[in-house]
Every structure is written in C-alpha cells, then in structure tokens.
C-alpha cells in the first residue's frame, strides 16, 4: 500500500513536458503582397471611360432653297411604319401626284437611297430628310440610320468610278457631297402620310 502511494507521489512529482509553441512571422508575406500589389498597379493600364465625341455645328437660321425633285423624305411613325417619297406632297394642288408616300421595310432603305442618289437628274445633289415621330422606337431609328450609312458607302464607291473637272481643270474622281438632315415628325405630317400614303404591309410593325 505504501509502495503504491510512493509510486503515485513520484509520478505526480515528475515534470510534465511543456508544449513548445510556435510563431509565424507574417512580415515577409505582407511585404511580398504589398510589392505584388504595387507591381500590378504600375503595370496594369487603367480603364479609361468610354466617351463618344459629338461635334455639333453652330445653329444657323437661314432659308435654303431646295428643289422638290432633289428631296428624298423617309418618315418613321410611332407604330414602326416607314414611308418614303420624293419631293413634296400637296394633293389639293396636285391630286394626281404620282409621288405618294409609299411604305418600305427598313431593310430595303439602303437600296432605295442608293438608287435615288444615283439618278442622273439629281446625282450628288439629293437631300435626304429623315423625319421621326417622337414616340418611335429608338432601335428602329438606329436601324434606319444604319441602312442610310450602308447605302452611303456604296454611293461613294459608285461615284468614285466617274470623273469631274476640278478647279485646275484636271479630271478627278467625283467627290461625294452628302446632304442629310433629321427632323421631328409633326402632327400635320403624320396626318398627311396616313391620308395620302400608299397602303401596304410594313415589316417594321410589331
């Protein structure tokens, strides 16, 4: 009994092994992280804001005489219908006017603009007027402008095949003189279009 007590006493007196703690020095890791951050900051190109430059000409109020035969009007209505006609429409003065507004799909506008601009009697002098209803869909307006721009490239290419005399009397390729304007379609124009326009089916109407 005494021997057992002695053994327990001796065991209790034995020193327990202390766990050796460890410490990780994070300073080098922080330094490396900071250096990597600085490296990417100085070597990466910062994203610049995307800005579209628009040059707006000064407002000039002056009357310009335009021949009716040199005016191509394309009108976009609120419901997506698109009409076109050449000249002016006044059925009271000219009830038999053959140039009634006609419906056209947006995809066909590039062919219309190309054909009308290259007619011999108006070549390089035709003015294109794009009149838009204030409530017309934005994507349809952009689609019409895209079609006109596509046509413009073809017109420039076609005109460059012909020559004209410059101020020095030399024959040079014809330079394209684009005439284009945009206006808001008023109520009077809408009424005139719906009354005088040639009925048909427009692919633009949803």
N, C-alpha and C. Protein backbone atom coordinates (compact mmCIF):
# COMPACT_ATOMS: atom_id res chain seq x y z
N UNK A 1 0.83 -1.20 0.00
CA UNK A 1 0.00 0.00 0.00
C UNK A 1 0.86 1.25 0.00
N UNK A 2 1.91 1.17 0.91
CA UNK A 2 2.81 2.33 0.96
C UNK A 2 3.62 2.47 -0.31
N UNK A 3 3.99 1.32 -0.87
CA UNK A 3 4.77 1.37 -2.13
C UNK A 3 3.95 1.99 -3.26
N UNK A 4 2.68 1.63 -3.27
CA UNK A 4 1.80 2.18 -4.33
C UNK A 4 1.66 3.69 -4.17
N UNK A 5 1.56 4.13 -2.91
CA UNK A 5 1.42 5.58 -2.68
C UNK A 5 2.68 6.31 -3.07
N UNK A 6 3.82 5.67 -2.80
CA UNK A 6 5.09 6.30 -3.16
C UNK A 6 5.22 6.48 -4.66
N UNK A 7 4.80 5.42 -5.35
CA UNK A 7 4.91 5.49 -6.83
C UNK A 7 4.03 6.61 -7.39
N UNK A 8 2.82 6.72 -6.82
CA UNK A 8 1.94 7.79 -7.31
C UNK A 8 2.51 9.16 -6.99
N UNK A 9 3.12 9.26 -5.84
CA UNK A 9 3.72 10.54 -5.46
C UNK A 9 4.87 10.91 -6.36
N UNK A 10 5.70 9.90 -6.67
CA UNK A 10 6.83 10.16 -7.57
C UNK A 10 6.34 10.55 -8.97
N UNK A 11 5.26 9.87 -9.41
CA UNK A 11 4.73 10.18 -10.75
C UNK A 11 4.18 11.60 -10.80
N UNK A 12 3.56 12.01 -9.70
CA UNK A 12 3.00 13.36 -9.67
C UNK A 12 4.08 14.41 -9.68
N UNK A 13 5.26 14.00 -9.03
CA UNK A 13 6.34 14.97 -8.96
C UNK A 13 7.07 15.12 -10.29
N UNK A 14 6.87 14.13 -11.15
CA UNK A 14 7.56 14.24 -12.44
C UNK A 14 7.08 15.50 -13.18
N UNK A 15 7.99 16.12 -13.78
CA UNK A 15 7.65 17.35 -14.54
C UNK A 15 7.00 16.98 -15.87
N UNK A 16 5.84 17.57 -16.13
CA UNK A 16 5.18 17.33 -17.42
C UNK A 16 5.90 18.13 -18.50
N UNK A 17 5.97 17.47 -19.65
CA UNK A 17 6.63 18.14 -20.78
C UNK A 17 5.79 19.33 -21.27
N UNK A 18 6.43 20.44 -21.41
CA UNK A 18 5.75 21.63 -21.92
C UNK A 18 5.73 21.63 -23.45
N UNK A 19 4.57 21.94 -23.96
CA UNK A 19 4.47 22.05 -25.42
C UNK A 19 5.16 23.33 -25.88
N UNK A 20 6.00 23.12 -26.81
CA UNK A 20 6.73 24.28 -27.33
C UNK A 20 5.82 25.01 -28.33
N UNK A 21 5.43 26.23 -28.06
CA UNK A 21 4.61 26.99 -29.00
C UNK A 21 5.42 27.48 -30.19
N UNK A 22 4.71 27.82 -31.29
CA UNK A 22 5.41 28.31 -32.48
C UNK A 22 4.73 29.60 -32.95
N UNK A 23 5.49 30.43 -33.61
CA UNK A 23 5.01 31.73 -34.08
C UNK A 23 5.48 31.95 -35.52
N UNK A 24 4.54 32.29 -36.39
CA UNK A 24 4.88 32.56 -37.80
C UNK A 24 5.01 34.06 -37.99
N UNK A 25 6.12 34.46 -38.47
CA UNK A 25 6.35 35.88 -38.73
C UNK A 25 5.72 36.23 -40.08
N UNK A 26 4.64 37.03 -40.06
CA UNK A 26 3.90 37.38 -41.28
C UNK A 26 4.50 38.58 -42.00
N UNK A 27 5.51 39.18 -41.44
CA UNK A 27 6.08 40.39 -42.06
C UNK A 27 6.54 40.17 -43.49
N UNK A 28 7.30 39.09 -43.77
CA UNK A 28 7.73 38.90 -45.17
C UNK A 28 6.56 38.70 -46.13
N UNK A 29 5.50 37.99 -45.65
CA UNK A 29 4.34 37.76 -46.50
C UNK A 29 3.62 39.07 -46.82
N UNK A 30 3.51 39.93 -45.82
CA UNK A 30 2.88 41.24 -46.03
C UNK A 30 3.71 42.06 -47.02
N UNK A 31 5.02 42.00 -46.87
CA UNK A 31 5.90 42.73 -47.78
C UNK A 31 5.72 42.25 -49.22
N UNK A 32 5.67 40.93 -49.40
CA UNK A 32 5.52 40.37 -50.75
C UNK A 32 4.17 40.78 -51.35
N UNK A 33 3.11 40.69 -50.53
CA UNK A 33 1.77 41.09 -51.00
C UNK A 33 1.76 42.55 -51.42
N UNK A 34 2.38 43.38 -50.62
CA UNK A 34 2.43 44.81 -50.94
C UNK A 34 3.20 45.06 -52.23
N UNK A 35 4.32 44.36 -52.40
CA UNK A 35 5.12 44.53 -53.62
C UNK A 35 4.35 44.07 -54.86
N UNK A 36 3.63 42.94 -54.73
CA UNK A 36 2.82 42.47 -55.86
C UNK A 36 1.71 43.46 -56.21
N UNK A 37 1.09 44.01 -55.18
CA UNK A 37 0.03 44.99 -55.40
C UNK A 37 0.57 46.22 -56.12
N UNK A 38 1.72 46.72 -55.68
CA UNK A 38 2.33 47.87 -56.32
C UNK A 38 2.72 47.56 -57.76
N UNK A 39 3.19 46.34 -57.99
CA UNK A 39 3.60 45.93 -59.34
C UNK A 39 2.40 45.98 -60.29
N UNK A 40 1.28 45.40 -59.86
CA UNK A 40 0.10 45.39 -60.73
C UNK A 40 -0.48 46.79 -60.92
N UNK A 41 -0.39 47.61 -59.89
CA UNK A 41 -0.91 48.97 -60.02
C UNK A 41 -0.14 49.77 -61.06
N UNK A 42 1.17 49.58 -61.09
CA UNK A 42 2.01 50.37 -62.01
C UNK A 42 2.08 49.77 -63.41
N UNK A 43 1.82 48.48 -63.53
CA UNK A 43 1.96 47.85 -64.86
C UNK A 43 0.63 47.65 -65.57
N UNK A 44 -0.47 47.70 -64.85
CA UNK A 44 -1.78 47.49 -65.46
C UNK A 44 -2.32 48.81 -65.98
N UNK A 45 -2.83 48.80 -67.20
CA UNK A 45 -3.43 50.00 -67.78
C UNK A 45 -4.80 50.23 -67.16
N UNK A 46 -4.99 51.41 -66.66
CA UNK A 46 -6.27 51.73 -66.05
C UNK A 46 -7.33 51.90 -67.13
N UNK A 47 -8.53 51.41 -66.87
CA UNK A 47 -9.62 51.50 -67.83
C UNK A 47 -10.09 52.95 -67.92
N UNK A 48 -10.03 53.49 -69.12
CA UNK A 48 -10.46 54.86 -69.32
C UNK A 48 -11.95 54.89 -69.64
N UNK A 49 -12.66 55.91 -69.22
CA UNK A 49 -14.09 55.99 -69.52
C UNK A 49 -14.32 56.11 -71.03
N UNK A 50 -15.33 55.38 -71.50
CA UNK A 50 -15.66 55.41 -72.92
C UNK A 50 -16.50 56.65 -73.21
N UNK A 51 -15.99 57.52 -74.05
CA UNK A 51 -16.68 58.76 -74.36
C UNK A 51 -16.86 58.87 -75.87
N UNK A 52 -18.06 59.19 -76.29
CA UNK A 52 -18.33 59.40 -77.71
C UNK A 52 -18.29 60.90 -77.99
N UNK A 53 -17.39 61.29 -78.87
CA UNK A 53 -17.28 62.70 -79.21
C UNK A 53 -18.33 63.06 -80.26
N UNK A 54 -19.02 64.13 -80.00
CA UNK A 54 -20.01 64.62 -80.96
C UNK A 54 -19.74 66.09 -81.23
N UNK A 55 -19.54 66.39 -82.47
CA UNK A 55 -19.32 67.78 -82.86
C UNK A 55 -20.62 68.33 -83.44
N UNK A 56 -21.18 69.25 -82.72
CA UNK A 56 -22.44 69.83 -83.15
C UNK A 56 -22.16 71.18 -83.81
N UNK A 57 -22.58 71.34 -85.04
CA UNK A 57 -22.32 72.61 -85.73
C UNK A 57 -23.14 73.73 -85.10
N UNK A 58 -22.68 74.95 -85.23
CA UNK A 58 -23.43 76.08 -84.67
C UNK A 58 -24.78 76.23 -85.36
N UNK A 59 -25.75 76.70 -84.59
CA UNK A 59 -27.08 76.89 -85.16
C UNK A 59 -27.07 78.08 -86.11
N UNK A 60 -27.51 77.82 -87.32
CA UNK A 60 -27.57 78.87 -88.34
C UNK A 60 -28.99 78.90 -88.89
N UNK A 61 -29.65 79.99 -88.69
CA UNK A 61 -31.02 80.13 -89.19
C UNK A 61 -30.98 80.85 -90.54
N UNK A 62 -31.16 80.07 -91.56
CA UNK A 62 -31.14 80.64 -92.91
C UNK A 62 -32.01 79.78 -93.81
N UNK A 63 -32.75 80.42 -94.65
CA UNK A 63 -33.61 79.70 -95.59
C UNK A 63 -32.78 79.18 -96.75
N UNK A 64 -32.98 77.91 -97.04
CA UNK A 64 -32.25 77.28 -98.13
C UNK A 64 -33.26 76.79 -99.16
N UNK A 65 -33.09 77.23 -100.36
CA UNK A 65 -34.00 76.80 -101.42
C UNK A 65 -33.65 75.38 -101.85
N UNK A 66 -34.66 74.54 -101.84
CA UNK A 66 -34.47 73.14 -102.21
C UNK A 66 -35.47 72.79 -103.30
N UNK A 67 -34.96 72.22 -104.36
CA UNK A 67 -35.85 71.75 -105.42
C UNK A 67 -36.59 70.52 -104.93
N UNK A 68 -37.88 70.47 -105.26
CA UNK A 68 -38.68 69.33 -104.81
C UNK A 68 -38.12 68.01 -105.33
N UNK A 69 -37.58 68.05 -106.54
CA UNK A 69 -37.05 66.82 -107.14
C UNK A 69 -35.76 66.35 -106.48
N UNK A 70 -35.16 67.21 -105.66
CA UNK A 70 -33.89 66.87 -105.01
C UNK A 70 -34.06 66.60 -103.52
N UNK A 71 -35.27 66.22 -103.12
CA UNK A 71 -35.55 65.96 -101.70
C UNK A 71 -36.16 64.58 -101.54
N UNK A 72 -35.44 63.71 -100.84
CA UNK A 72 -35.93 62.37 -100.51
C UNK A 72 -36.29 62.36 -99.03
N UNK A 73 -37.55 62.09 -98.74
CA UNK A 73 -38.02 62.08 -97.36
C UNK A 73 -38.32 60.65 -96.92
N UNK A 74 -37.77 60.29 -95.76
CA UNK A 74 -38.04 58.99 -95.14
C UNK A 74 -38.63 59.28 -93.77
N UNK A 75 -39.84 58.77 -93.52
CA UNK A 75 -40.55 59.08 -92.28
C UNK A 75 -40.81 57.82 -91.48
N UNK A 76 -40.46 57.88 -90.19
CA UNK A 76 -40.68 56.75 -89.28
C UNK A 76 -41.78 57.12 -88.30
N UNK A 77 -42.89 56.35 -88.33
CA UNK A 77 -44.03 56.63 -87.47
C UNK A 77 -43.89 55.90 -86.13
N UNK A 78 -44.80 56.25 -85.21
CA UNK A 78 -44.76 55.67 -83.87
C UNK A 78 -44.95 54.16 -83.89
N UNK A 79 -45.82 53.67 -84.78
CA UNK A 79 -46.12 52.24 -84.81
C UNK A 79 -45.10 51.42 -85.60
N UNK A 80 -44.05 52.07 -86.10
CA UNK A 80 -43.00 51.35 -86.81
C UNK A 80 -43.11 51.42 -88.32
N UNK A 81 -44.22 51.95 -88.82
CA UNK A 81 -44.34 52.08 -90.28
C UNK A 81 -43.34 53.11 -90.80
N UNK A 82 -42.76 52.82 -91.93
CA UNK A 82 -41.78 53.72 -92.54
C UNK A 82 -42.22 54.05 -93.96
N UNK A 83 -42.37 55.35 -94.24
CA UNK A 83 -42.78 55.81 -95.56
C UNK A 83 -41.62 56.53 -96.23
N UNK A 84 -41.69 56.61 -97.55
CA UNK A 84 -40.73 57.41 -98.29
C UNK A 84 -41.43 58.06 -99.47
N UNK A 85 -40.94 59.22 -99.85
CA UNK A 85 -41.43 59.88 -101.07
C UNK A 85 -40.40 60.91 -101.50
N UNK A 86 -40.48 61.30 -102.75
CA UNK A 86 -39.58 62.30 -103.32
C UNK A 86 -40.37 63.57 -103.58
N UNK A 87 -39.78 64.71 -103.24
CA UNK A 87 -40.45 65.98 -103.46
C UNK A 87 -41.37 66.33 -102.31
N UNK A 88 -42.40 67.07 -102.61
CA UNK A 88 -43.39 67.46 -101.61
C UNK A 88 -44.76 66.91 -102.01
N UNK A 89 -45.60 66.68 -101.03
CA UNK A 89 -46.92 66.12 -101.28
C UNK A 89 -47.97 67.16 -100.94
N UNK A 90 -48.71 67.60 -101.93
CA UNK A 90 -49.83 68.51 -101.73
C UNK A 90 -50.93 68.10 -102.71
N UNK A 91 -51.78 67.17 -102.27
CA UNK A 91 -52.79 66.62 -103.16
C UNK A 91 -53.90 67.62 -103.49
N UNK A 92 -54.01 68.69 -102.70
CA UNK A 92 -55.01 69.71 -103.03
C UNK A 92 -54.60 70.45 -104.30
N UNK A 93 -53.31 70.75 -104.42
CA UNK A 93 -52.82 71.43 -105.62
C UNK A 93 -52.57 70.45 -106.76
N UNK A 94 -52.17 69.26 -106.40
CA UNK A 94 -51.81 68.26 -107.41
C UNK A 94 -52.40 66.91 -107.01
N UNK A 95 -53.71 66.71 -107.26
CA UNK A 95 -54.36 65.47 -106.83
C UNK A 95 -53.84 64.22 -107.53
N UNK A 96 -53.21 64.39 -108.67
CA UNK A 96 -52.70 63.24 -109.42
C UNK A 96 -51.20 63.03 -109.23
N UNK A 97 -50.67 63.60 -108.17
CA UNK A 97 -49.24 63.46 -107.92
C UNK A 97 -48.87 61.98 -107.78
N UNK A 98 -47.98 61.50 -108.65
CA UNK A 98 -47.62 60.07 -108.59
C UNK A 98 -46.69 59.74 -107.42
N UNK A 99 -46.07 60.77 -106.85
CA UNK A 99 -45.09 60.53 -105.77
C UNK A 99 -45.77 60.46 -104.41
N UNK A 100 -46.74 59.59 -104.30
CA UNK A 100 -47.39 59.41 -103.00
C UNK A 100 -46.44 58.70 -102.04
N UNK A 101 -46.55 58.97 -100.75
CA UNK A 101 -45.71 58.23 -99.79
C UNK A 101 -45.96 56.73 -99.89
N UNK A 102 -44.90 55.98 -99.89
CA UNK A 102 -45.02 54.53 -100.01
C UNK A 102 -44.37 53.85 -98.81
N UNK A 103 -45.00 52.78 -98.35
CA UNK A 103 -44.43 52.01 -97.26
C UNK A 103 -43.18 51.28 -97.73
N UNK A 104 -42.22 51.17 -96.83
CA UNK A 104 -40.98 50.47 -97.16
C UNK A 104 -40.45 49.79 -95.90
N UNK A 105 -39.89 48.62 -96.04
CA UNK A 105 -39.26 47.96 -94.89
C UNK A 105 -37.89 48.58 -94.65
N UNK A 106 -37.46 48.57 -93.42
CA UNK A 106 -36.18 49.19 -93.08
C UNK A 106 -35.03 48.53 -93.84
N UNK A 107 -35.10 47.22 -94.03
CA UNK A 107 -34.03 46.51 -94.72
C UNK A 107 -33.88 46.94 -96.18
N UNK A 108 -34.92 47.57 -96.74
CA UNK A 108 -34.88 47.98 -98.15
C UNK A 108 -34.42 49.42 -98.33
N UNK A 109 -34.22 50.14 -97.22
CA UNK A 109 -33.88 51.56 -97.33
C UNK A 109 -32.53 51.77 -97.99
N UNK A 110 -31.57 50.88 -97.74
CA UNK A 110 -30.25 51.06 -98.36
C UNK A 110 -30.33 50.99 -99.88
N UNK A 111 -31.20 50.13 -100.41
CA UNK A 111 -31.36 50.03 -101.86
C UNK A 111 -32.07 51.27 -102.40
N UNK A 112 -33.07 51.76 -101.66
CA UNK A 112 -33.79 52.96 -102.07
C UNK A 112 -32.85 54.16 -102.13
N UNK A 113 -32.07 54.37 -101.06
CA UNK A 113 -31.16 55.52 -101.01
C UNK A 113 -30.11 55.44 -102.12
N UNK A 114 -29.59 54.25 -102.36
CA UNK A 114 -28.59 54.07 -103.42
C UNK A 114 -29.17 54.43 -104.78
N UNK A 115 -30.34 53.91 -105.06
CA UNK A 115 -30.97 54.14 -106.37
C UNK A 115 -31.33 55.60 -106.58
N UNK A 116 -31.93 56.24 -105.56
CA UNK A 116 -32.38 57.62 -105.70
C UNK A 116 -31.20 58.59 -105.81
N UNK A 117 -30.12 58.33 -105.08
CA UNK A 117 -28.97 59.23 -105.11
C UNK A 117 -28.20 59.18 -106.42
N UNK A 118 -28.32 58.10 -107.15
CA UNK A 118 -27.55 57.96 -108.39
C UNK A 118 -28.37 58.23 -109.64
N UNK A 119 -29.58 58.74 -109.47
CA UNK A 119 -30.36 59.12 -110.66
C UNK A 119 -29.65 60.28 -111.36
N UNK A 120 -29.56 60.24 -112.68
CA UNK A 120 -28.78 61.26 -113.41
C UNK A 120 -29.22 62.69 -113.13
N UNK A 121 -30.53 62.91 -112.94
CA UNK A 121 -31.00 64.29 -112.78
C UNK A 121 -30.72 64.88 -111.39
N UNK A 122 -30.38 64.02 -110.41
CA UNK A 122 -30.10 64.53 -109.06
C UNK A 122 -28.79 64.00 -108.50
N UNK A 123 -27.98 63.40 -109.33
CA UNK A 123 -26.77 62.74 -108.85
C UNK A 123 -25.90 63.70 -108.02
N UNK A 124 -25.59 63.26 -106.82
CA UNK A 124 -24.73 64.01 -105.89
C UNK A 124 -25.35 65.31 -105.41
N UNK A 125 -26.65 65.49 -105.63
CA UNK A 125 -27.33 66.70 -105.16
C UNK A 125 -28.54 66.38 -104.29
N UNK A 126 -28.91 65.13 -104.20
CA UNK A 126 -30.12 64.75 -103.47
C UNK A 126 -29.95 65.00 -101.96
N UNK A 127 -30.97 65.59 -101.36
CA UNK A 127 -31.00 65.81 -99.92
C UNK A 127 -31.91 64.75 -99.30
N UNK A 128 -31.39 64.06 -98.30
CA UNK A 128 -32.19 63.05 -97.60
C UNK A 128 -32.67 63.62 -96.27
N UNK A 129 -34.00 63.64 -96.11
CA UNK A 129 -34.61 64.13 -94.88
C UNK A 129 -35.20 62.93 -94.13
N UNK A 130 -34.72 62.70 -92.94
CA UNK A 130 -35.22 61.62 -92.10
C UNK A 130 -36.08 62.24 -91.00
N UNK A 131 -37.39 62.10 -91.11
CA UNK A 131 -38.31 62.65 -90.11
C UNK A 131 -38.80 61.53 -89.20
N UNK A 132 -38.75 61.78 -87.91
CA UNK A 132 -39.01 60.73 -86.92
C UNK A 132 -40.10 61.17 -85.95
N UNK A 133 -41.03 60.27 -85.70
CA UNK A 133 -42.03 60.50 -84.67
C UNK A 133 -41.35 60.48 -83.30
N UNK A 134 -41.73 61.41 -82.44
CA UNK A 134 -41.11 61.49 -81.10
C UNK A 134 -41.30 60.21 -80.29
N UNK A 135 -42.36 59.46 -80.59
CA UNK A 135 -42.65 58.24 -79.84
C UNK A 135 -42.17 56.98 -80.55
N UNK A 136 -41.45 57.15 -81.65
CA UNK A 136 -40.94 55.99 -82.38
C UNK A 136 -39.88 55.28 -81.55
N UNK A 137 -39.74 53.98 -81.77
CA UNK A 137 -38.77 53.20 -81.02
C UNK A 137 -37.35 53.57 -81.43
N UNK A 138 -36.50 53.66 -80.41
CA UNK A 138 -35.11 54.07 -80.63
C UNK A 138 -34.37 53.09 -81.53
N UNK A 139 -34.60 51.78 -81.34
CA UNK A 139 -33.85 50.81 -82.13
C UNK A 139 -34.22 50.86 -83.61
N UNK A 140 -35.47 51.25 -83.92
CA UNK A 140 -35.87 51.39 -85.32
C UNK A 140 -35.19 52.61 -85.95
N UNK A 141 -35.09 53.69 -85.18
CA UNK A 141 -34.41 54.88 -85.68
C UNK A 141 -32.95 54.56 -86.01
N UNK A 142 -32.27 53.84 -85.10
CA UNK A 142 -30.88 53.47 -85.33
C UNK A 142 -30.77 52.56 -86.55
N UNK A 143 -31.74 51.66 -86.72
CA UNK A 143 -31.72 50.74 -87.86
C UNK A 143 -31.81 51.50 -89.18
N UNK A 144 -32.66 52.54 -89.23
CA UNK A 144 -32.78 53.35 -90.45
C UNK A 144 -31.47 54.08 -90.73
N UNK A 145 -30.88 54.67 -89.70
CA UNK A 145 -29.61 55.38 -89.88
C UNK A 145 -28.51 54.43 -90.35
N UNK A 146 -28.51 53.22 -89.83
CA UNK A 146 -27.52 52.23 -90.27
C UNK A 146 -27.69 51.91 -91.75
N UNK A 147 -28.94 51.78 -92.18
CA UNK A 147 -29.21 51.48 -93.59
C UNK A 147 -28.74 52.62 -94.49
N UNK A 148 -28.95 53.85 -94.05
CA UNK A 148 -28.51 55.00 -94.84
C UNK A 148 -26.99 55.07 -94.90
N UNK A 149 -26.33 54.72 -93.82
CA UNK A 149 -24.86 54.72 -93.82
C UNK A 149 -24.29 53.62 -94.72
N UNK A 150 -24.95 52.47 -94.73
CA UNK A 150 -24.53 51.39 -95.64
C UNK A 150 -24.67 51.84 -97.09
N UNK A 151 -25.79 52.49 -97.38
CA UNK A 151 -26.01 52.99 -98.74
C UNK A 151 -24.97 54.03 -99.11
N UNK A 152 -24.58 54.84 -98.14
CA UNK A 152 -23.61 55.91 -98.41
C UNK A 152 -22.28 55.35 -98.87
N UNK A 153 -21.85 54.25 -98.28
CA UNK A 153 -20.59 53.62 -98.69
C UNK A 153 -20.66 53.16 -100.14
N UNK A 154 -21.79 52.60 -100.53
CA UNK A 154 -21.96 52.13 -101.91
C UNK A 154 -22.03 53.31 -102.88
N UNK A 155 -22.66 54.39 -102.45
CA UNK A 155 -22.77 55.58 -103.30
C UNK A 155 -21.38 56.18 -103.54
N UNK A 156 -20.58 56.29 -102.49
CA UNK A 156 -19.22 56.83 -102.62
C UNK A 156 -18.40 55.97 -103.58
N UNK A 157 -18.51 54.68 -103.43
CA UNK A 157 -17.76 53.76 -104.30
C UNK A 157 -18.19 53.90 -105.76
N UNK A 158 -19.49 54.04 -105.98
CA UNK A 158 -20.00 54.15 -107.35
C UNK A 158 -19.59 55.48 -107.97
N UNK A 159 -19.68 56.57 -107.21
CA UNK A 159 -19.33 57.88 -107.75
C UNK A 159 -17.84 57.98 -108.05
N UNK A 160 -17.01 57.28 -107.28
CA UNK A 160 -15.56 57.35 -107.49
C UNK A 160 -15.14 56.75 -108.84
N UNK A 161 -16.04 56.00 -109.45
CA UNK A 161 -15.73 55.41 -110.76
C UNK A 161 -15.86 56.44 -111.88
N UNK A 162 -16.52 57.57 -111.58
CA UNK A 162 -16.71 58.63 -112.56
C UNK A 162 -15.78 59.80 -112.24
N UNK A 163 -15.57 60.64 -113.23
CA UNK A 163 -14.65 61.77 -113.05
C UNK A 163 -15.36 63.10 -113.29
N UNK A 164 -14.74 64.14 -112.76
CA UNK A 164 -15.21 65.50 -112.98
C UNK A 164 -14.01 66.43 -112.97
N UNK A 165 -14.20 67.63 -113.50
CA UNK A 165 -13.10 68.59 -113.54
C UNK A 165 -13.02 69.36 -112.22
N UNK A 166 -11.80 69.49 -111.70
CA UNK A 166 -11.61 70.30 -110.51
C UNK A 166 -11.32 71.74 -110.91
N UNK A 167 -10.96 72.57 -109.94
CA UNK A 167 -10.72 73.99 -110.22
C UNK A 167 -9.54 74.21 -111.15
N UNK A 168 -8.62 73.27 -111.18
CA UNK A 168 -7.45 73.38 -112.07
C UNK A 168 -7.72 72.78 -113.45
N UNK A 169 -8.94 72.33 -113.66
CA UNK A 169 -9.28 71.75 -114.96
C UNK A 169 -8.83 70.32 -115.13
N UNK A 170 -8.44 69.67 -114.04
CA UNK A 170 -7.99 68.29 -114.11
C UNK A 170 -9.15 67.34 -113.84
N UNK A 171 -9.11 66.19 -114.49
CA UNK A 171 -10.14 65.18 -114.26
C UNK A 171 -9.80 64.38 -113.00
N UNK A 172 -10.70 64.41 -112.07
CA UNK A 172 -10.50 63.70 -110.80
C UNK A 172 -11.78 62.91 -110.49
N UNK A 173 -11.66 61.86 -109.66
CA UNK A 173 -12.87 61.12 -109.27
C UNK A 173 -13.87 62.04 -108.58
N UNK A 174 -15.14 61.80 -108.85
CA UNK A 174 -16.19 62.62 -108.25
C UNK A 174 -16.17 62.48 -106.73
N UNK A 175 -16.16 63.62 -106.04
CA UNK A 175 -16.20 63.62 -104.59
C UNK A 175 -17.65 63.64 -104.11
N UNK A 176 -17.97 62.76 -103.22
CA UNK A 176 -19.33 62.66 -102.71
C UNK A 176 -19.67 63.88 -101.85
N UNK A 177 -20.82 64.48 -102.11
CA UNK A 177 -21.30 65.60 -101.32
C UNK A 177 -22.61 65.17 -100.66
N UNK A 178 -22.48 64.65 -99.47
CA UNK A 178 -23.66 64.12 -98.79
C UNK A 178 -24.49 65.24 -98.20
N UNK A 179 -25.80 65.17 -98.44
CA UNK A 179 -26.73 66.14 -97.88
C UNK A 179 -27.77 65.36 -97.08
N UNK A 180 -27.76 65.57 -95.78
CA UNK A 180 -28.61 64.77 -94.90
C UNK A 180 -29.07 65.60 -93.72
N UNK A 181 -30.32 65.44 -93.33
CA UNK A 181 -30.84 66.17 -92.18
C UNK A 181 -31.90 65.33 -91.47
N UNK A 182 -32.10 65.62 -90.20
CA UNK A 182 -33.09 64.91 -89.39
C UNK A 182 -34.07 65.93 -88.80
N UNK A 183 -35.34 65.56 -88.77
CA UNK A 183 -36.35 66.45 -88.19
C UNK A 183 -37.38 65.62 -87.42
N UNK A 184 -38.15 66.31 -86.61
CA UNK A 184 -39.22 65.66 -85.85
C UNK A 184 -40.49 65.66 -86.69
N UNK A 185 -41.15 64.53 -86.72
CA UNK A 185 -42.38 64.39 -87.50
C UNK A 185 -43.53 65.03 -86.71
N UNK A 186 -44.11 66.09 -87.26
CA UNK A 186 -45.20 66.76 -86.55
C UNK A 186 -46.55 66.13 -86.89
N UNK A 187 -47.58 66.59 -86.20
CA UNK A 187 -48.92 66.01 -86.38
C UNK A 187 -49.44 66.21 -87.80
N UNK A 188 -49.13 67.35 -88.38
CA UNK A 188 -49.60 67.62 -89.75
C UNK A 188 -48.98 66.63 -90.73
N UNK A 189 -47.69 66.36 -90.55
CA UNK A 189 -47.03 65.40 -91.43
C UNK A 189 -47.59 63.99 -91.25
N UNK A 190 -47.89 63.62 -90.00
CA UNK A 190 -48.45 62.29 -89.75
C UNK A 190 -49.79 62.13 -90.45
N UNK A 191 -50.64 63.17 -90.34
CA UNK A 191 -51.95 63.11 -90.98
C UNK A 191 -51.82 63.01 -92.49
N UNK A 192 -50.91 63.78 -93.04
CA UNK A 192 -50.72 63.76 -94.49
C UNK A 192 -50.22 62.39 -94.96
N UNK A 193 -49.34 61.79 -94.19
CA UNK A 193 -48.82 60.48 -94.56
C UNK A 193 -49.90 59.41 -94.53
N UNK A 194 -50.70 59.41 -93.47
CA UNK A 194 -51.73 58.38 -93.34
C UNK A 194 -52.85 58.55 -94.36
N UNK A 195 -53.09 59.80 -94.78
CA UNK A 195 -54.16 60.05 -95.75
C UNK A 195 -53.71 59.80 -97.19
N UNK A 196 -52.48 60.16 -97.48
CA UNK A 196 -52.01 60.09 -98.87
C UNK A 196 -51.12 58.89 -99.14
N UNK A 197 -50.65 58.23 -98.07
CA UNK A 197 -49.71 57.13 -98.26
C UNK A 197 -50.34 55.93 -98.93
N UNK A 198 -49.54 55.24 -99.71
CA UNK A 198 -49.97 54.02 -100.36
C UNK A 198 -49.98 52.92 -99.31
N UNK A 199 -51.15 52.29 -99.13
CA UNK A 199 -51.27 51.27 -98.09
C UNK A 199 -50.50 50.01 -98.47
N UNK A 200 -50.08 49.31 -97.47
CA UNK A 200 -49.34 48.08 -97.70
C UNK A 200 -48.93 47.50 -96.37
N UNK A 201 -48.10 46.53 -96.40
CA UNK A 201 -47.65 45.87 -95.18
C UNK A 201 -46.21 46.26 -94.91
N UNK A 202 -45.94 46.73 -93.72
CA UNK A 202 -44.58 47.09 -93.33
C UNK A 202 -44.03 46.02 -92.40
N UNK A 203 -42.82 45.56 -92.69
CA UNK A 203 -42.19 44.53 -91.85
C UNK A 203 -41.73 45.08 -90.51
N UNK A 204 -41.77 46.41 -90.35
CA UNK A 204 -41.26 47.00 -89.12
C UNK A 204 -42.30 47.02 -88.01
N UNK A 205 -43.56 46.80 -88.37
CA UNK A 205 -44.63 46.89 -87.39
C UNK A 205 -44.66 45.63 -86.56
N UNK A 206 -44.63 45.80 -85.24
CA UNK A 206 -44.67 44.63 -84.35
C UNK A 206 -46.11 44.18 -84.13
